[in-house]
Amino acid sequence: MTLCTCANVEMGTYAATVSMQTPTEKWVGVDVCIATEVGRLWMSGVTTLASCCGHGELEPTVVVAEESIGRMRALGYENARLYYADRDDIFILTGKPLPVQQENPYYQAWQKRLRGDPSSESC
């Protein structure tokens, strides 16, 4: 499945990324065409370590922390075995809607920001 909408963006470049703040308040670059799904993974309690949309050449993937492998499987994600046969922590992104854990601090901060709550300093 190709989710990538990056036209003429070469693999390994950051030309089509957006800056997003992780639940741990670290700023990272995420390919724009998968940014929504990566953010929803965070709101679903998944810790991501890296991601790539595949730039129209490969399947979009995400690398997750070891403690998030079970959560990814519970959400119905499949491992990216075609290119990473020996890795349990790399999953294929699907573009599907995800359930959000409303008690997740990242989700709560995002909701406050949407409401314009001045007490929300980060999201």
PDB file of N, CA and C in Angstrom:
ATOM      1  N   MET A   1       0.844  -1.181   0.000  1.00  0.00           N
ATOM      2  CA  MET A   1       0.000   0.000   0.000  1.00  0.00           C
ATOM      3  C   MET A   1       0.885   1.238   0.000  1.00  0.00           C
ATOM      4  N   THR A   2       0.602   2.187  -0.849  1.00  0.00           N
ATOM      5  CA  THR A   2       1.364   3.417  -0.908  1.00  0.00           C
ATOM      6  C   THR A   2       0.534   4.551  -0.324  1.00  0.00           C
ATOM      7  N   LEU A   3       1.033   5.155   0.740  1.00  0.00           N
ATOM      8  CA  LEU A   3       0.380   6.314   1.341  1.00  0.00           C
ATOM      9  C   LEU A   3       1.079   7.590   0.908  1.00  0.00           C
ATOM     10  N   CYS A   4       2.235   7.442   0.312  1.00  0.00           N
ATOM     11  CA  CYS A   4       3.108   8.566   0.011  1.00  0.00           C
ATOM     12  C   CYS A   4       2.518   9.501  -1.041  1.00  0.00           C
ATOM     13  N   THR A   5       2.570  10.765  -0.721  1.00  0.00           N
ATOM     14  CA  THR A   5       2.159  11.792  -1.674  1.00  0.00           C
ATOM     15  C   THR A   5       3.330  12.722  -1.980  1.00  0.00           C
ATOM     16  N   CYS A   6       4.524  12.272  -1.635  1.00  0.00           N
ATOM     17  CA  CYS A   6       5.723  13.077  -1.855  1.00  0.00           C
ATOM     18  C   CYS A   6       6.135  12.991  -3.318  1.00  0.00           C
ATOM     19  N   ALA A   7       5.953  14.059  -4.047  1.00  0.00           N
ATOM     20  CA  ALA A   7       6.336  14.071  -5.457  1.00  0.00           C
ATOM     21  C   ALA A   7       7.793  14.479  -5.581  1.00  0.00           C
ATOM     22  N   ASN A   8       8.571  13.664  -6.245  1.00  0.00           N
ATOM     23  CA  ASN A   8       9.977  13.959  -6.521  1.00  0.00           C
ATOM     24  C   ASN A   8      10.817  14.185  -5.263  1.00  0.00           C
ATOM     25  N   VAL A   9      10.514  13.451  -4.212  1.00  0.00           N
ATOM     26  CA  VAL A   9      11.299  13.544  -2.977  1.00  0.00           C
ATOM     27  C   VAL A   9      12.108  12.264  -2.866  1.00  0.00           C
ATOM     28  N   GLU A  10      13.418  12.389  -2.880  1.00  0.00           N
ATOM     29  CA  GLU A  10      14.290  11.218  -2.852  1.00  0.00           C
ATOM     30  C   GLU A  10      14.350  10.580  -1.478  1.00  0.00           C
ATOM     31  N   MET A  11      14.562   9.285  -1.466  1.00  0.00           N
ATOM     32  CA  MET A  11      14.742   8.526  -0.232  1.00  0.00           C
ATOM     33  C   MET A  11      15.921   9.101   0.549  1.00  0.00           C
ATOM     34  N   GLY A  12      15.760   9.249   1.847  1.00  0.00           N
ATOM     35  CA  GLY A  12      16.827   9.746   2.695  1.00  0.00           C
ATOM     36  C   GLY A  12      16.862  11.255   2.849  1.00  0.00           C
ATOM     37  N   THR A  13      15.956  11.961   2.182  1.00  0.00           N
ATOM     38  CA  THR A  13      15.908  13.417   2.341  1.00  0.00           C
ATOM     39  C   THR A  13      14.777  13.791   3.295  1.00  0.00           C
ATOM     40  N   TYR A  14      14.788  15.001   3.739  1.00  0.00           N
ATOM     41  CA  TYR A  14      13.766  15.489   4.665  1.00  0.00           C
ATOM     42  C   TYR A  14      12.955  16.616   4.039  1.00  0.00           C
ATOM     43  N   ALA A  15      12.861  16.610   2.718  1.00  0.00           N
ATOM     44  CA  ALA A  15      12.215  17.701   1.997  1.00  0.00           C
ATOM     45  C   ALA A  15      10.704  17.754   2.200  1.00  0.00           C
ATOM     46  N   ALA A  16      10.091  16.653   2.558  1.00  0.00           N
ATOM     47  CA  ALA A  16       8.629  16.632   2.719  1.00  0.00           C
ATOM     48  C   ALA A  16       8.241  16.195   4.129  1.00  0.00           C
ATOM     49  N   THR A  17       8.897  16.796   5.116  1.00  0.00           N
ATOM     50  CA  THR A  17       8.604  16.446   6.498  1.00  0.00           C
ATOM     51  C   THR A  17       7.946  17.613   7.224  1.00  0.00           C
ATOM     52  N   VAL A  18       7.286  17.267   8.307  1.00  0.00           N
ATOM     53  CA  VAL A  18       6.744  18.270   9.215  1.00  0.00           C
ATOM     54  C   VAL A  18       7.382  18.036  10.580  1.00  0.00           C
ATOM     55  N   SER A  19       7.537  19.077  11.351  1.00  0.00           N
ATOM     56  CA  SER A  19       8.057  18.951  12.707  1.00  0.00           C
ATOM     57  C   SER A  19       6.904  18.626  13.635  1.00  0.00           C
ATOM     58  N   MET A  20       7.081  17.579  14.421  1.00  0.00           N
ATOM     59  CA  MET A  20       6.056  17.161  15.370  1.00  0.00           C
ATOM     60  C   MET A  20       6.712  16.952  16.722  1.00  0.00           C
ATOM     61  N   GLN A  21       5.971  17.292  17.765  1.00  0.00           N
ATOM     62  CA  GLN A  21       6.493  17.095  19.112  1.00  0.00           C
ATOM     63  C   GLN A  21       5.949  15.785  19.662  1.00  0.00           C
ATOM     64  N   THR A  22       6.852  14.897  20.049  1.00  0.00           N
ATOM     65  CA  THR A  22       6.473  13.581  20.558  1.00  0.00           C
ATOM     66  C   THR A  22       5.862  13.711  21.952  1.00  0.00           C
ATOM     67  N   PRO A  23       5.259  12.628  22.446  1.00  0.00           N
ATOM     68  CA  PRO A  23       4.734  12.663  23.813  1.00  0.00           C
ATOM     69  C   PRO A  23       5.813  12.947  24.860  1.00  0.00           C
ATOM     70  N   THR A  24       7.077  12.680  24.529  1.00  0.00           N
ATOM     71  CA  THR A  24       8.171  12.985  25.458  1.00  0.00           C
ATOM     72  C   THR A  24       8.718  14.394  25.227  1.00  0.00           C
ATOM     73  N   GLU A  25       8.007  15.176  24.425  1.00  0.00           N
ATOM     74  CA  GLU A  25       8.298  16.580  24.127  1.00  0.00           C
ATOM     75  C   GLU A  25       9.546  16.795  23.277  1.00  0.00           C
ATOM     76  N   LYS A  26       9.999  15.744  22.610  1.00  0.00           N
ATOM     77  CA  LYS A  26      11.111  15.853  21.667  1.00  0.00           C
ATOM     78  C   LYS A  26      10.529  16.219  20.304  1.00  0.00           C
ATOM     79  N   TRP A  27      11.173  17.115  19.585  1.00  0.00           N
ATOM     80  CA  TRP A  27      10.742  17.484  18.241  1.00  0.00           C
ATOM     81  C   TRP A  27      11.411  16.562  17.223  1.00  0.00           C
ATOM     82  N   VAL A  28      10.601  16.010  16.307  1.00  0.00           N
ATOM     83  CA  VAL A  28      11.113  15.115  15.270  1.00  0.00           C
ATOM     84  C   VAL A  28      10.508  15.492  13.924  1.00  0.00           C
ATOM     85  N   GLY A  29      11.205  15.130  12.860  1.00  0.00           N
ATOM     86  CA  GLY A  29      10.677  15.305  11.516  1.00  0.00           C
ATOM     87  C   GLY A  29       9.951  14.043  11.092  1.00  0.00           C
ATOM     88  N   VAL A  30       8.723  14.197  10.599  1.00  0.00           N
ATOM     89  CA  VAL A  30       7.912  13.059  10.146  1.00  0.00           C
ATOM     90  C   VAL A  30       7.444  13.366   8.729  1.00  0.00           C
ATOM     91  N   ASP A  31       7.545  12.378   7.842  1.00  0.00           N
ATOM     92  CA  ASP A  31       7.055  12.579   6.470  1.00  0.00           C
ATOM     93  C   ASP A  31       5.597  13.013   6.525  1.00  0.00           C
ATOM     94  N   VAL A  32       5.295  14.079   5.796  1.00  0.00           N
ATOM     95  CA  VAL A  32       3.976  14.703   5.885  1.00  0.00           C
ATOM     96  C   VAL A  32       2.832  13.734   5.573  1.00  0.00           C
ATOM     97  N   CYS A  33       3.044  12.807   4.657  1.00  0.00           N
ATOM     98  CA  CYS A  33       1.963  11.909   4.246  1.00  0.00           C
ATOM     99  C   CYS A  33       1.642  10.830   5.284  1.00  0.00           C
ATOM    100  N   ILE A  34       2.493  10.654   6.302  1.00  0.00           N
ATOM    101  CA  ILE A  34       2.201   9.681   7.358  1.00  0.00           C
ATOM    102  C   ILE A  34       2.091  10.341   8.729  1.00  0.00           C
ATOM    103  N   ALA A  35       2.190  11.662   8.775  1.00  0.00           N
ATOM    104  CA  ALA A  35       2.214  12.382  10.048  1.00  0.00           C
ATOM    105  C   ALA A  35       0.952  12.147  10.875  1.00  0.00           C
ATOM    106  N   THR A  36      -0.199  12.128  10.247  1.00  0.00           N
ATOM    107  CA  THR A  36      -1.444  11.912  10.992  1.00  0.00           C
ATOM    108  C   THR A  36      -1.446  10.549  11.652  1.00  0.00           C
ATOM    109  N   GLU A  37      -1.041   9.524  10.915  1.00  0.00           N
ATOM    110  CA  GLU A  37      -1.035   8.179  11.491  1.00  0.00           C
ATOM    111  C   GLU A  37      -0.001   8.055  12.610  1.00  0.00           C
ATOM    112  N   VAL A  38       1.159   8.655  12.443  1.00  0.00           N
ATOM    113  CA  VAL A  38       2.174   8.611  13.499  1.00  0.00           C
ATOM    114  C   VAL A  38       1.642   9.303  14.752  1.00  0.00           C
ATOM    115  N   GLY A  39       1.012  10.452  14.596  1.00  0.00           N
ATOM    116  CA  GLY A  39       0.425  11.145  15.739  1.00  0.00           C
ATOM    117  C   GLY A  39      -0.660  10.323  16.414  1.00  0.00           C
ATOM    118  N   ARG A  40      -1.466   9.631  15.626  1.00  0.00           N
ATOM    119  CA  ARG A  40      -2.517   8.778  16.190  1.00  0.00           C
ATOM    120  C   ARG A  40      -1.896   7.582  16.920  1.00  0.00           C
ATOM    121  N   LEU A  41      -0.785   7.068  16.426  1.00  0.00           N
ATOM    122  CA  LEU A  41      -0.097   5.994  17.148  1.00  0.00           C
ATOM    123  C   LEU A  41       0.332   6.495  18.526  1.00  0.00           C
ATOM    124  N   TRP A  42       0.885   7.708  18.572  1.00  0.00           N
ATOM    125  CA  TRP A  42       1.280   8.279  19.864  1.00  0.00           C
ATOM    126  C   TRP A  42       0.081   8.370  20.796  1.00  0.00           C
ATOM    127  N   MET A  43      -1.055   8.824  20.248  1.00  0.00           N
ATOM    128  CA  MET A  43      -2.264   8.964  21.063  1.00  0.00           C
ATOM    129  C   MET A  43      -2.853   7.610  21.451  1.00  0.00           C
ATOM    130  N   SER A  44      -2.427   6.565  20.774  1.00  0.00           N
ATOM    131  CA  SER A  44      -2.876   5.207  21.090  1.00  0.00           C
ATOM    132  C   SER A  44      -1.917   4.512  22.047  1.00  0.00           C
ATOM    133  N   GLY A  45      -0.913   5.238  22.517  1.00  0.00           N
ATOM    134  CA  GLY A  45       0.013   4.685  23.490  1.00  0.00           C
ATOM    135  C   GLY A  45       1.234   3.998  22.915  1.00  0.00           C
ATOM    136  N   VAL A  46       1.532   4.219  21.641  1.00  0.00           N
ATOM    137  CA  VAL A  46       2.684   3.600  20.985  1.00  0.00           C
ATOM    138  C   VAL A  46       3.864   4.573  21.006  1.00  0.00           C
ATOM    139  N   THR A  47       5.029   4.064  21.375  1.00  0.00           N
ATOM    140  CA  THR A  47       6.254   4.851  21.326  1.00  0.00           C
ATOM    141  C   THR A  47       6.970   4.531  20.024  1.00  0.00           C
ATOM    142  N   THR A  48       7.132   5.536  19.170  1.00  0.00           N
ATOM    143  CA  THR A  48       7.820   5.344  17.894  1.00  0.00           C
ATOM    144  C   THR A  48       9.254   5.824  18.004  1.00  0.00           C
ATOM    145  N   LEU A  49      10.127   5.180  17.231  1.00  0.00           N
ATOM    146  CA  LEU A  49      11.541   5.551  17.209  1.00  0.00           C
ATOM    147  C   LEU A  49      11.963   6.144  15.871  1.00  0.00           C
ATOM    148  N   ALA A  50      11.292   5.745  14.794  1.00  0.00           N
ATOM    149  CA  ALA A  50      11.592   6.240  13.452  1.00  0.00           C
ATOM    150  C   ALA A  50      10.419   5.897  12.547  1.00  0.00           C
ATOM    151  N   SER A  51      10.327   6.597  11.423  1.00  0.00           N
ATOM    152  CA  SER A  51       9.272   6.296  10.456  1.00  0.00           C
ATOM    153  C   SER A  51       9.713   6.778   9.080  1.00  0.00           C
ATOM    154  N   CYS A  52       9.091   6.204   8.056  1.00  0.00           N
ATOM    155  CA  CYS A  52       9.364   6.618   6.678  1.00  0.00           C
ATOM    156  C   CYS A  52       8.153   6.280   5.822  1.00  0.00           C
ATOM    157  N   CYS A  53       7.773   7.190   4.954  1.00  0.00           N
ATOM    158  CA  CYS A  53       6.623   6.949   4.082  1.00  0.00           C
ATOM    159  C   CYS A  53       6.982   6.026   2.914  1.00  0.00           C
ATOM    160  N   GLY A  54       8.261   5.799   2.683  1.00  0.00           N
ATOM    161  CA  GLY A  54       8.686   4.946   1.577  1.00  0.00           C
ATOM    162  C   GLY A  54       8.919   5.692   0.289  1.00  0.00           C
ATOM    163  N   HIS A  55       8.526   6.961   0.244  1.00  0.00           N
ATOM    164  CA  HIS A  55       8.746   7.837  -0.913  1.00  0.00           C
ATOM    165  C   HIS A  55       8.296   7.221  -2.234  1.00  0.00           C
ATOM    166  N   GLY A  56       7.207   6.474  -2.172  1.00  0.00           N
ATOM    167  CA  GLY A  56       6.650   5.881  -3.382  1.00  0.00           C
ATOM    168  C   GLY A  56       7.407   4.666  -3.873  1.00  0.00           C
ATOM    169  N   GLU A  57       8.487   4.289  -3.195  1.00  0.00           N
ATOM    170  CA  GLU A  57       9.301   3.147  -3.612  1.00  0.00           C
ATOM    171  C   GLU A  57       9.102   1.940  -2.709  1.00  0.00           C
ATOM    172  N   LEU A  58       8.908   2.178  -1.412  1.00  0.00           N
ATOM    173  CA  LEU A  58       8.740   1.109  -0.430  1.00  0.00           C
ATOM    174  C   LEU A  58       7.448   1.342   0.352  1.00  0.00           C
ATOM    175  N   GLU A  59       7.042   0.328   1.101  1.00  0.00           N
ATOM    176  CA  GLU A  59       5.874   0.484   1.953  1.00  0.00           C
ATOM    177  C   GLU A  59       6.206   1.450   3.082  1.00  0.00           C
ATOM    178  N   PRO A  60       5.223   2.235   3.530  1.00  0.00           N
ATOM    179  CA  PRO A  60       5.469   3.124   4.661  1.00  0.00           C
ATOM    180  C   PRO A  60       5.639   2.301   5.931  1.00  0.00           C
ATOM    181  N   THR A  61       6.644   2.630   6.731  1.00  0.00           N
ATOM    182  CA  THR A  61       6.934   1.844   7.926  1.00  0.00           C
ATOM    183  C   THR A  61       7.186   2.734   9.133  1.00  0.00           C
ATOM    184  N   VAL A  62       7.083   2.112  10.294  1.00  0.00           N
ATOM    185  CA  VAL A  62       7.394   2.775  11.553  1.00  0.00           C
ATOM    186  C   VAL A  62       8.170   1.795  12.423  1.00  0.00           C
ATOM    187  N   VAL A  63       9.192   2.301  13.101  1.00  0.00           N
ATOM    188  CA  VAL A  63       9.954   1.511  14.064  1.00  0.00           C
ATOM    189  C   VAL A  63       9.429   1.910  15.442  1.00  0.00           C
ATOM    190  N   VAL A  64       9.098   0.918  16.256  1.00  0.00           N
ATOM    191  CA  VAL A  64       8.549   1.203  17.581  1.00  0.00           C
ATOM    192  C   VAL A  64       9.465   0.667  18.675  1.00  0.00           C
ATOM    193  N   ALA A  65       9.300   1.231  19.865  1.00  0.00           N
ATOM    194  CA  ALA A  65      10.049   0.753  21.020  1.00  0.00           C
ATOM    195  C   ALA A  65       9.599  -0.662  21.357  1.00  0.00           C
ATOM    196  N   GLU A  66      10.485  -1.422  21.958  1.00  0.00           N
ATOM    197  CA  GLU A  66      10.187  -2.824  22.282  1.00  0.00           C
ATOM    198  C   GLU A  66       8.890  -2.962  23.070  1.00  0.00           C
ATOM    199  N   GLU A  67       8.644  -2.051  24.007  1.00  0.00           N
ATOM    200  CA  GLU A  67       7.431  -2.145  24.813  1.00  0.00           C
ATOM    201  C   GLU A  67       6.153  -1.835  24.028  1.00  0.00           C
ATOM    202  N   SER A  68       6.278  -1.343  22.799  1.00  0.00           N
ATOM    203  CA  SER A  68       5.110  -1.035  21.971  1.00  0.00           C
ATOM    204  C   SER A  68       4.808  -2.101  20.920  1.00  0.00           C
ATOM    205  N   ILE A  69       5.636  -3.120  20.821  1.00  0.00           N
ATOM    206  CA  ILE A  69       5.430  -4.167  19.813  1.00  0.00           C
ATOM    207  C   ILE A  69       4.082  -4.849  20.008  1.00  0.00           C
ATOM    208  N   GLY A  70       3.760  -5.232  21.219  1.00  0.00           N
ATOM    209  CA  GLY A  70       2.482  -5.880  21.504  1.00  0.00           C
ATOM    210  C   GLY A  70       1.293  -4.984  21.195  1.00  0.00           C
ATOM    211  N   ARG A  71       1.425  -3.695  21.502  1.00  0.00           N
ATOM    212  CA  ARG A  71       0.347  -2.733  21.217  1.00  0.00           C
ATOM    213  C   ARG A  71       0.122  -2.628  19.716  1.00  0.00           C
ATOM    214  N   MET A  72       1.186  -2.590  18.946  1.00  0.00           N
ATOM    215  CA  MET A  72       1.046  -2.518  17.484  1.00  0.00           C
ATOM    216  C   MET A  72       0.310  -3.742  16.952  1.00  0.00           C
ATOM    217  N   ARG A  73       0.661  -4.900  17.458  1.00  0.00           N
ATOM    218  CA  ARG A  73      -0.032  -6.124  17.020  1.00  0.00           C
ATOM    219  C   ARG A  73      -1.500  -6.098  17.430  1.00  0.00           C
ATOM    220  N   ALA A  74      -1.774  -5.591  18.642  1.00  0.00           N
ATOM    221  CA  ALA A  74      -3.154  -5.496  19.118  1.00  0.00           C
ATOM    222  C   ALA A  74      -3.972  -4.537  18.253  1.00  0.00           C
ATOM    223  N   LEU A  75      -3.317  -3.531  17.700  1.00  0.00           N
ATOM    224  CA  LEU A  75      -3.987  -2.580  16.813  1.00  0.00           C
ATOM    225  C   LEU A  75      -4.144  -3.130  15.393  1.00  0.00           C
ATOM    226  N   GLY A  76      -3.592  -4.311  15.140  1.00  0.00           N
ATOM    227  CA  GLY A  76      -3.753  -4.956  13.837  1.00  0.00           C
ATOM    228  C   GLY A  76      -2.646  -4.683  12.833  1.00  0.00           C
ATOM    229  N   TYR A  77      -1.556  -4.109  13.272  1.00  0.00           N
ATOM    230  CA  TYR A  77      -0.443  -3.834  12.360  1.00  0.00           C
ATOM    231  C   TYR A  77       0.380  -5.093  12.112  1.00  0.00           C
ATOM    232  N   GLU A  78       0.939  -5.182  10.914  1.00  0.00           N
ATOM    233  CA  GLU A  78       1.779  -6.317  10.537  1.00  0.00           C
ATOM    234  C   GLU A  78       3.233  -5.877  10.436  1.00  0.00           C
ATOM    235  N   ASN A  79       4.119  -6.807  10.766  1.00  0.00           N
ATOM    236  CA  ASN A  79       5.546  -6.520  10.638  1.00  0.00           C
ATOM    237  C   ASN A  79       5.930  -6.373   9.174  1.00  0.00           C
ATOM    238  N   ALA A  80       6.948  -5.567   8.929  1.00  0.00           N
ATOM    239  CA  ALA A  80       7.462  -5.333   7.579  1.00  0.00           C
ATOM    240  C   ALA A  80       8.503  -6.398   7.264  1.00  0.00           C
ATOM    241  N   ARG A  81       8.060  -7.610   7.052  1.00  0.00           N
ATOM    242  CA  ARG A  81       8.967  -8.753   6.877  1.00  0.00           C
ATOM    243  C   ARG A  81       9.660  -8.785   5.512  1.00  0.00           C
ATOM    244  N   LEU A  82       9.087  -8.149   4.499  1.00  0.00           N
ATOM    245  CA  LEU A  82       9.678  -8.203   3.168  1.00  0.00           C
ATOM    246  C   LEU A  82      11.101  -7.642   3.159  1.00  0.00           C
ATOM    247  N   TYR A  83      11.306  -6.532   3.841  1.00  0.00           N
ATOM    248  CA  TYR A  83      12.615  -5.886   3.844  1.00  0.00           C
ATOM    249  C   TYR A  83      13.382  -6.089   5.146  1.00  0.00           C
ATOM    250  N   TYR A  84      12.653  -6.429   6.214  1.00  0.00           N
ATOM    251  CA  TYR A  84      13.271  -6.537   7.537  1.00  0.00           C
ATOM    252  C   TYR A  84      12.854  -7.846   8.194  1.00  0.00           C
ATOM    253  N   ALA A  85      13.261  -8.965   7.639  1.00  0.00           N
ATOM    254  CA  ALA A  85      12.811 -10.286   8.078  1.00  0.00           C
ATOM    255  C   ALA A  85      13.144 -10.582   9.532  1.00  0.00           C
ATOM    256  N   ASP A  86      14.221 -10.032  10.037  1.00  0.00           N
ATOM    257  CA  ASP A  86      14.653 -10.355  11.393  1.00  0.00           C
ATOM    258  C   ASP A  86      14.252  -9.307  12.432  1.00  0.00           C
ATOM    259  N   ARG A  87      13.401  -8.358  12.061  1.00  0.00           N
ATOM    260  CA  ARG A  87      13.027  -7.276  12.971  1.00  0.00           C
ATOM    261  C   ARG A  87      11.567  -7.394  13.397  1.00  0.00           C
ATOM    262  N   ASP A  88      11.328  -7.452  14.696  1.00  0.00           N
ATOM    263  CA  ASP A  88       9.961  -7.486  15.228  1.00  0.00           C
ATOM    264  C   ASP A  88       9.427  -6.094  15.522  1.00  0.00           C
ATOM    265  N   ASP A  89      10.280  -5.082  15.436  1.00  0.00           N
ATOM    266  CA  ASP A  89       9.897  -3.736  15.843  1.00  0.00           C
ATOM    267  C   ASP A  89       9.569  -2.805  14.681  1.00  0.00           C
ATOM    268  N   ILE A  90       9.528  -3.326  13.458  1.00  0.00           N
ATOM    269  CA  ILE A  90       9.209  -2.507  12.285  1.00  0.00           C
ATOM    270  C   ILE A  90       7.871  -2.964  11.724  1.00  0.00           C
ATOM    271  N   PHE A  91       6.956  -2.008  11.574  1.00  0.00           N
ATOM    272  CA  PHE A  91       5.599  -2.315  11.129  1.00  0.00           C
ATOM    273  C   PHE A  91       5.224  -1.497   9.903  1.00  0.00           C
ATOM    274  N   ILE A  92       4.320  -2.054   9.112  1.00  0.00           N
ATOM    275  CA  ILE A  92       3.815  -1.375   7.921  1.00  0.00           C
ATOM    276  C   ILE A  92       2.670  -0.453   8.344  1.00  0.00           C
ATOM    277  N   LEU A  93       2.748   0.806   7.935  1.00  0.00           N
ATOM    278  CA  LEU A  93       1.659   1.741   8.200  1.00  0.00           C
ATOM    279  C   LEU A  93       0.534   1.494   7.205  1.00  0.00           C
ATOM    280  N   THR A  94      -0.692   1.749   7.646  1.00  0.00           N
ATOM    281  CA  THR A  94      -1.850   1.398   6.820  1.00  0.00           C
ATOM    282  C   THR A  94      -2.740   2.566   6.444  1.00  0.00           C
ATOM    283  N   GLY A  95      -2.654   3.653   7.187  1.00  0.00           N
ATOM    284  CA  GLY A  95      -3.537   4.781   6.940  1.00  0.00           C
ATOM    285  C   GLY A  95      -4.910   4.623   7.564  1.00  0.00           C
ATOM    286  N   LYS A  96      -5.114   3.554   8.322  1.00  0.00           N
ATOM    287  CA  LYS A  96      -6.428   3.304   8.926  1.00  0.00           C
ATOM    288  C   LYS A  96      -6.625   4.141  10.185  1.00  0.00           C
ATOM    289  N   PRO A  97      -7.888   4.430  10.515  1.00  0.00           N
ATOM    290  CA  PRO A  97      -8.159   5.140  11.772  1.00  0.00           C
ATOM    291  C   PRO A  97      -7.774   4.265  12.956  1.00  0.00           C
ATOM    292  N   LEU A  98      -7.349   4.887  14.040  1.00  0.00           N
ATOM    293  CA  LEU A  98      -6.916   4.151  15.220  1.00  0.00           C
ATOM    294  C   LEU A  98      -7.724   4.576  16.439  1.00  0.00           C
ATOM    295  N   PRO A  99      -7.936   3.640  17.367  1.00  0.00           N
ATOM    296  CA  PRO A  99      -8.574   4.038  18.625  1.00  0.00           C
ATOM    297  C   PRO A  99      -7.594   4.866  19.443  1.00  0.00           C
ATOM    298  N   VAL A 100      -8.096   5.858  20.114  1.00  0.00           N
ATOM    299  CA  VAL A 100      -7.250   6.743  20.902  1.00  0.00           C
ATOM    300  C   VAL A 100      -7.510   6.492  22.377  1.00  0.00           C
ATOM    301  N   GLN A 101      -6.444   6.395  23.141  1.00  0.00           N
ATOM    302  CA  GLN A 101      -6.572   6.253  24.588  1.00  0.00           C
ATOM    303  C   GLN A 101      -6.729   7.654  25.170  1.00  0.00           C
ATOM    304  N   GLN A 102      -7.936   7.971  25.629  1.00  0.00           N
ATOM    305  CA  GLN A 102      -8.202   9.332  26.085  1.00  0.00           C
ATOM    306  C   GLN A 102      -7.417   9.708  27.331  1.00  0.00           C
ATOM    307  N   GLU A 103      -6.924   8.726  28.076  1.00  0.00           N
ATOM    308  CA  GLU A 103      -6.109   9.036  29.254  1.00  0.00           C
ATOM    309  C   GLU A 103      -4.650   9.305  28.885  1.00  0.00           C
ATOM    310  N   ASN A 104      -4.295   9.116  27.613  1.00  0.00           N
ATOM    311  CA  ASN A 104      -2.938   9.354  27.143  1.00  0.00           C
ATOM    312  C   ASN A 104      -2.607  10.842  27.290  1.00  0.00           C
ATOM    313  N   PRO A 105      -1.505  11.189  27.985  1.00  0.00           N
ATOM    314  CA  PRO A 105      -1.152  12.598  28.198  1.00  0.00           C
ATOM    315  C   PRO A 105      -0.973  13.384  26.896  1.00  0.00           C
ATOM    316  N   TYR A 106      -0.447  12.728  25.868  1.00  0.00           N
ATOM    317  CA  TYR A 106      -0.276  13.409  24.581  1.00  0.00           C
ATOM    318  C   TYR A 106      -1.638  13.782  24.002  1.00  0.00           C
ATOM    319  N   TYR A 107      -2.594  12.869  24.078  1.00  0.00           N
ATOM    320  CA  TYR A 107      -3.946  13.141  23.594  1.00  0.00           C
ATOM    321  C   TYR A 107      -4.579  14.274  24.392  1.00  0.00           C
ATOM    322  N   GLN A 108      -4.433  14.252  25.700  1.00  0.00           N
ATOM    323  CA  GLN A 108      -5.019  15.293  26.546  1.00  0.00           C
ATOM    324  C   GLN A 108      -4.439  16.666  26.229  1.00  0.00           C
ATOM    325  N   ALA A 109      -3.115  16.731  26.036  1.00  0.00           N
ATOM    326  CA  ALA A 109      -2.481  18.001  25.683  1.00  0.00           C
ATOM    327  C   ALA A 109      -2.969  18.490  24.327  1.00  0.00           C
ATOM    328  N   TRP A 110      -3.145  17.579  23.385  1.00  0.00           N
ATOM    329  CA  TRP A 110      -3.640  17.923  22.053  1.00  0.00           C
ATOM    330  C   TRP A 110      -5.052  18.477  22.140  1.00  0.00           C
ATOM    331  N   GLN A 111      -5.904  17.856  22.944  1.00  0.00           N
ATOM    332  CA  GLN A 111      -7.276  18.334  23.113  1.00  0.00           C
ATOM    333  C   GLN A 111      -7.299  19.737  23.714  1.00  0.00           C
ATOM    334  N   LYS A 112      -6.458  19.978  24.706  1.00  0.00           N
ATOM    335  CA  LYS A 112      -6.389  21.313  25.310  1.00  0.00           C
ATOM    336  C   LYS A 112      -5.957  22.345  24.275  1.00  0.00           C
ATOM    337  N   ARG A 113      -4.997  21.963  23.462  1.00  0.00           N
ATOM    338  CA  ARG A 113      -4.505  22.886  22.436  1.00  0.00           C
ATOM    339  C   ARG A 113      -5.603  23.199  21.421  1.00  0.00           C
ATOM    340  N   LEU A 114      -6.382  22.206  21.051  1.00  0.00           N
ATOM    341  CA  LEU A 114      -7.487  22.427  20.121  1.00  0.00           C
ATOM    342  C   LEU A 114      -8.527  23.389  20.696  1.00  0.00           C
ATOM    343  N   ARG A 115      -8.738  23.304  22.003  1.00  0.00           N
ATOM    344  CA  ARG A 115      -9.701  24.183  22.672  1.00  0.00           C
ATOM    345  C   ARG A 115      -9.126  25.564  22.953  1.00  0.00           C
ATOM    346  N   GLY A 116      -7.836  25.737  22.696  1.00  0.00           N
ATOM    347  CA  GLY A 116      -7.192  27.018  22.943  1.00  0.00           C
ATOM    348  C   GLY A 116      -6.888  27.244  24.412  1.00  0.00           C
ATOM    349  N   ASP A 117      -6.771  26.179  25.172  1.00  0.00           N
ATOM    350  CA  ASP A 117      -6.485  26.256  26.599  1.00  0.00           C
ATOM    351  C   ASP A 117      -5.064  26.794  26.798  1.00  0.00           C
ATOM    352  N   PRO A 118      -4.900  27.935  27.463  1.00  0.00           N
ATOM    353  CA  PRO A 118      -3.565  28.503  27.646  1.00  0.00           C
ATOM    354  C   PRO A 118      -2.643  27.676  28.532  1.00  0.00           C
ATOM    355  N   SER A 119      -3.206  26.713  29.287  1.00  0.00           N
ATOM    356  CA  SER A 119      -2.359  25.890  30.147  1.00  0.00           C
ATOM    357  C   SER A 119      -1.651  24.776  29.382  1.00  0.00           C
ATOM    358  N   SER A 120      -1.986  24.629  28.093  1.00  0.00           N
ATOM    359  CA  SER A 120      -1.322  23.587  27.294  1.00  0.00           C
ATOM    360  C   SER A 120      -0.117  24.196  26.606  1.00  0.00           C
ATOM    361  N   GLU A 121       1.047  23.907  27.152  1.00  0.00           N
ATOM    362  CA  GLU A 121       2.280  24.467  26.608  1.00  0.00           C
ATOM    363  C   GLU A 121       2.830  23.658  25.455  1.00  0.00           C
ATOM    364  N   SER A 122       2.495  22.361  25.428  1.00  0.00           N
ATOM    365  CA  SER A 122       3.041  21.514  24.356  1.00  0.00           C
ATOM    366  C   SER A 122       2.017  20.480  23.958  1.00  0.00           C
ATOM    367  N   CYS A 123       2.247  19.930  22.786  1.00  0.00           N
ATOM    368  CA  CYS A 123       1.390  18.886  22.259  1.00  0.00           C
ATOM    369  C   CYS A 123       2.244  17.927  21.482  1.00  0.00           C
TER     370      CYS A 123
END
